[in-house]
Protein backbone atom coordinates (compact mmCIF):
# COMPACT_ATOMS: atom_id res chain seq x y z
CA MET A 1 64.53 21.46 86.52
CA GLN A 2 60.94 21.91 85.29
CA GLU A 3 60.56 24.79 87.72
CA ILE A 4 63.61 26.50 86.21
CA HIS A 5 62.24 26.03 82.68
CA LYS A 6 58.95 27.56 83.81
CA TYR A 7 60.68 30.70 85.10
CA ILE A 8 62.83 31.03 81.97
CA ARG A 9 59.68 30.96 79.83
CA ILE A 10 57.94 33.51 82.08
CA TYR A 11 60.88 35.94 81.99
CA THR A 12 61.34 35.50 78.24
CA LYS A 13 57.69 36.28 77.59
CA TYR A 14 57.88 39.28 79.94
CA ALA A 15 61.04 40.69 78.31
CA ILE A 16 59.78 40.31 74.73
CA GLY A 17 56.38 41.72 75.69
CA ALA A 18 58.06 44.85 77.05
CA PHE A 19 59.30 45.71 73.55
CA LYS A 20 56.46 44.29 71.45
CA ASN A 21 54.45 47.50 71.03
CA PHE A 22 57.32 49.96 71.40
CA ALA A 23 56.37 52.52 68.72
CA GLU A 24 59.22 55.00 69.35
CA VAL A 25 61.91 52.75 67.83
CA GLU A 26 62.21 49.86 65.41
CA ILE A 27 63.37 46.80 67.36
CA GLU A 28 65.76 44.79 65.19
CA GLN A 29 66.95 42.18 67.65
CA ILE A 30 66.50 41.10 71.26
CA ASN A 31 69.11 38.85 72.91
CA LEU A 32 68.23 37.19 76.19
CA LYS A 33 70.92 35.51 78.28
CA PHE A 34 70.13 33.39 81.31
CA GLY A 35 72.72 32.16 83.78
CA ILE A 36 71.85 29.67 86.48
CA LYS A 37 74.25 28.15 89.00
CA ILE A 38 73.08 25.59 91.54
CA ALA A 39 75.35 23.95 94.12
CA GLY A 40 74.84 21.63 97.03
CA LYS A 41 76.86 19.74 99.61
CA THR A 42 75.88 16.83 101.78
CA GLY A 43 77.56 15.34 104.77
CA ILE A 44 76.42 14.14 108.12
CA PRO A 45 72.62 13.82 108.16
CA MET A 46 70.93 17.10 109.06
CA LEU A 47 74.04 19.07 107.99
CA THR A 48 73.53 20.01 104.38
CA GLU A 49 74.24 23.14 102.43
CA GLY A 50 72.76 24.50 99.24
CA SER A 51 73.11 27.65 97.21
CA GLY A 52 71.93 29.13 93.96
CA GLU A 53 72.60 32.09 91.72
CA ALA A 54 70.79 33.45 88.70
CA ASN A 55 71.25 36.34 86.32
CA PHE A 56 69.26 37.67 83.42
CA ASN A 57 70.68 39.99 80.75
CA ILE A 58 68.74 41.71 77.99
CA GLU A 59 70.43 43.28 74.97
CA VAL A 60 68.24 45.19 72.52
CA LYS A 61 69.32 46.37 69.08
CA CYS A 62 67.06 49.07 67.66
CA LYS A 63 66.89 51.93 65.18
CA PHE A 64 65.45 55.34 65.90
CA PRO A 65 63.33 56.70 63.04
CA THR A 66 64.74 59.68 61.19
CA LYS A 67 62.81 62.82 61.92
CA ILE A 68 60.99 64.35 58.98
CA THR A 69 61.04 68.13 59.03
CA ALA A 70 57.99 70.09 57.89
CA LYS A 71 58.33 72.16 54.70
């Protein structure tokens, strides 16, 4: 489980960093959603099965600055 926490922190830092110095828009909100599914089956020794799934969604709410026209 510690390994999973480590990767969640890495991806969170990476995603937020991608928008940190984004001068073209004003970032109002960033939503990060992680989904992790781990499954395993055991039976006769040497016959085991395991699987895993993960997804990562990023939703960004931002405002584009109004353009000021020259007079």
